[in-house]
Amino acid sequence: MPYDPCWPERYAEIAARLVGGLGPQWAVEHVGSTSVPGLLAKPVIDLALRLPAGQRLADWDEPFQALGWTGRIEIGDHEALFLLDGSVRMAIAHVFTANQWPYAHPRLFADWLRTHASDRDVYARIKMELVDHGIWGSEYTSPRRPSYRMSPLAPEPRSVLLR
């Protein structure tokens, strides 16, 4: 769907509830397509959370659940939790350790797209092409199929086709 200017407000509300329930030692950032003005996205707020140094995410299961988040699952190099409204996914919390935080791809990628409009536009076209070809949801991020991904860490960040 087209960019919704209400997404930053939704992020701020969700982040405030998280920090209020977990404490100020947690870093929280708005990431994903809803954090990039002008970029089309599914209406699910992605957040990057930095686990306090020396902590284990498993020790925070009860506080997260008290705030309405699901149990955690592994997604690649990190764990994630989901905020649901019934069966509708409202937000995804991508949790990174303090060591992972400076290199967490969702943070770097969103920041790159927010500051490089031409790459944002290329990425938007790629997303539309994938949707037009029926590739979305879990297929969109599946490591088993060719997909497009922006590479903010390349010497000249650009869209690349990964196989």
Protein backbone atom coordinates (compact mmCIF):
# COMPACT_ATOMS: atom_id res chain seq x y z
CA MET A 1 0.00 0.00 0.00
CA PRO A 2 1.17 3.60 -0.46
CA TYR A 3 3.09 5.31 2.32
CA ASP A 4 0.84 6.37 5.21
CA PRO A 5 1.98 9.48 7.10
CA CYS A 6 0.39 7.98 10.25
CA TRP A 7 3.01 5.20 10.42
CA PRO A 8 5.57 7.26 12.39
CA GLU A 9 2.86 8.03 14.97
CA ARG A 10 1.96 4.33 15.24
CA TYR A 11 5.65 3.53 15.70
CA ALA A 12 5.99 6.19 18.43
CA GLU A 13 3.00 4.75 20.33
CA ILE A 14 4.33 1.18 20.13
CA ALA A 15 7.87 2.25 21.06
CA ALA A 16 6.62 4.26 24.05
CA ARG A 17 4.69 1.23 25.35
CA LEU A 18 7.77 -0.97 24.92
CA VAL A 19 10.15 1.41 26.69
CA GLY A 20 7.54 2.05 29.38
CA GLY A 21 7.17 -1.68 30.01
CA LEU A 22 10.75 -2.83 29.48
CA GLY A 23 12.72 0.17 30.70
CA PRO A 24 14.94 2.88 29.25
CA GLN A 25 17.91 0.51 28.89
CA TRP A 26 16.31 -0.77 25.68
CA ALA A 27 17.11 1.09 22.44
CA VAL A 28 14.18 1.13 20.01
CA GLU A 29 14.20 2.35 16.39
CA HIS A 30 11.64 2.45 13.59
CA VAL A 31 12.90 0.29 10.71
CA GLY A 32 11.39 -1.41 7.68
CA SER A 33 9.44 0.13 4.84
CA THR A 34 7.00 1.98 7.11
CA SER A 35 9.97 4.01 8.42
CA VAL A 36 10.85 5.34 4.96
CA PRO A 37 8.74 8.32 3.84
CA GLY A 38 7.39 7.79 0.35
CA LEU A 39 7.95 4.02 0.27
CA LEU A 40 5.03 1.65 -0.22
CA ALA A 41 4.70 -0.98 2.49
CA LYS A 42 2.45 -3.46 4.17
CA PRO A 43 0.89 -1.72 7.19
CA VAL A 44 3.01 -3.56 9.77
CA ILE A 45 5.39 -1.50 11.90
CA ASP A 46 8.91 -2.95 12.12
CA LEU A 47 11.04 -2.03 15.12
CA ALA A 48 14.66 -2.80 15.89
CA LEU A 49 15.33 -3.33 19.59
CA ARG A 50 18.72 -3.53 21.25
CA LEU A 51 18.81 -6.05 24.07
CA PRO A 52 20.57 -4.54 27.09
CA ALA A 53 24.22 -5.66 27.28
CA GLY A 54 24.72 -8.87 29.21
CA GLN A 55 21.03 -9.82 29.06
CA ARG A 56 19.32 -12.84 27.49
CA LEU A 57 16.10 -12.28 25.54
CA ALA A 58 14.62 -15.39 27.16
CA ASP A 59 14.71 -13.53 30.49
CA TRP A 60 12.35 -10.92 29.04
CA ASP A 61 9.60 -13.30 27.82
CA GLU A 62 7.14 -12.39 30.60
CA PRO A 63 7.51 -8.60 30.26
CA PHE A 64 7.02 -8.84 26.48
CA GLN A 65 3.97 -11.06 26.88
CA ALA A 66 2.53 -8.68 29.49
CA LEU A 67 2.76 -5.98 26.81
CA GLY A 68 0.85 -8.17 24.32
CA TRP A 69 3.76 -9.55 22.26
CA THR A 70 3.99 -13.17 21.11
CA GLY A 71 6.73 -15.60 22.02
CA ARG A 72 10.01 -15.13 20.20
CA ILE A 73 11.13 -16.86 17.01
CA GLU A 74 14.45 -16.93 15.18
CA ILE A 75 14.71 -14.92 11.97
CA GLY A 76 18.14 -15.31 10.44
CA ASP A 77 20.72 -13.76 12.77
CA HIS A 78 18.27 -12.43 15.36
CA GLU A 79 15.03 -13.13 17.18
CA ALA A 80 11.67 -11.47 16.64
CA LEU A 81 8.37 -11.05 18.45
CA PHE A 82 5.00 -10.04 17.03
CA LEU A 83 2.27 -7.71 18.22
CA LEU A 84 -1.11 -9.00 17.04
CA ASP A 85 -4.62 -7.60 17.02
CA GLY A 86 -6.54 -10.85 16.93
CA SER A 87 -4.89 -12.61 14.00
CA VAL A 88 -3.71 -9.40 12.34
CA ARG A 89 -0.01 -8.61 12.65
CA MET A 90 0.41 -5.00 13.82
CA ALA A 91 4.15 -4.86 14.52
CA ILE A 92 7.34 -6.91 14.46
CA ALA A 93 10.11 -6.38 17.03
CA HIS A 94 13.48 -7.46 15.63
CA VAL A 95 15.74 -7.95 18.67
CA PHE A 96 19.51 -7.63 18.37
CA THR A 97 22.24 -8.04 20.97
CA ALA A 98 24.40 -5.06 21.89
CA ASN A 99 27.19 -6.58 19.76
CA GLN A 100 24.91 -6.98 16.72
CA TRP A 101 23.34 -3.52 17.05
CA PRO A 102 25.85 -1.43 15.08
CA TYR A 103 25.62 -3.84 12.12
CA ALA A 104 21.92 -4.80 12.23
CA HIS A 105 20.85 -4.82 8.58
CA PRO A 106 17.28 -3.54 9.16
CA ARG A 107 18.69 -0.41 10.82
CA LEU A 108 21.34 0.24 8.17
CA PHE A 109 19.00 -0.48 5.28
CA ALA A 110 16.17 1.77 6.48
CA ASP A 111 18.62 4.58 7.22
CA TRP A 112 20.12 4.24 3.73
CA LEU A 113 16.72 4.39 2.03
CA ARG A 114 15.68 7.42 4.12
CA THR A 115 18.76 9.33 2.95
CA HIS A 116 19.01 8.11 -0.67
CA ALA A 117 15.79 8.86 -2.55
CA SER A 118 16.93 7.34 -5.84
CA ASP A 119 17.68 4.00 -4.16
CA ARG A 120 14.35 4.22 -2.30
CA ASP A 121 12.61 4.62 -5.65
CA VAL A 122 14.48 1.67 -7.18
CA TYR A 123 13.57 -0.46 -4.18
CA ALA A 124 9.91 0.60 -4.50
CA ARG A 125 9.89 -0.49 -8.15
CA ILE A 126 11.45 -3.83 -7.23
CA LYS A 127 8.82 -4.39 -4.52
CA MET A 128 6.05 -3.64 -7.02
CA GLU A 129 7.57 -6.05 -9.56
CA LEU A 130 7.66 -8.80 -6.95
CA VAL A 131 4.05 -8.16 -5.96
CA ASP A 132 3.04 -8.11 -9.64
CA HIS A 133 4.63 -11.56 -10.00
CA GLY A 134 2.79 -12.89 -6.94
CA ILE A 135 5.88 -12.89 -4.74
CA TRP A 136 5.08 -11.52 -1.29
CA GLY A 137 4.87 -12.57 2.33
CA SER A 138 7.25 -15.35 3.26
CA GLU A 139 8.21 -15.83 -0.40
CA TYR A 140 9.43 -12.21 -0.53
CA THR A 141 12.10 -12.87 2.10
CA SER A 142 12.78 -16.53 1.42
CA PRO A 143 16.49 -17.32 1.10
CA ARG A 144 15.61 -20.19 -1.25
CA ARG A 145 14.42 -18.08 -4.17
CA PRO A 146 16.02 -15.35 -6.23
CA SER A 147 15.07 -11.99 -4.81
CA TYR A 148 16.11 -8.40 -4.92
CA ARG A 149 17.82 -6.74 -2.02
CA MET A 150 19.37 -3.35 -1.59
CA SER A 151 22.98 -3.48 -0.45
CA PRO A 152 23.80 -0.48 1.75
CA LEU A 153 27.19 -1.92 2.66
CA ALA A 154 28.54 -2.16 -0.89
CA PRO A 155 31.08 0.49 -1.92
CA GLU A 156 28.30 2.03 -3.99
CA PRO A 157 24.99 0.89 -2.46
CA ARG A 158 22.63 -0.32 -5.11
CA SER A 159 19.94 -2.79 -5.88
CA VAL A 160 21.30 -6.24 -6.61
CA LEU A 161 19.64 -9.45 -7.69
CA LEU A 162 20.59 -12.21 -5.27
CA ARG A 163 20.44 -15.82 -6.41
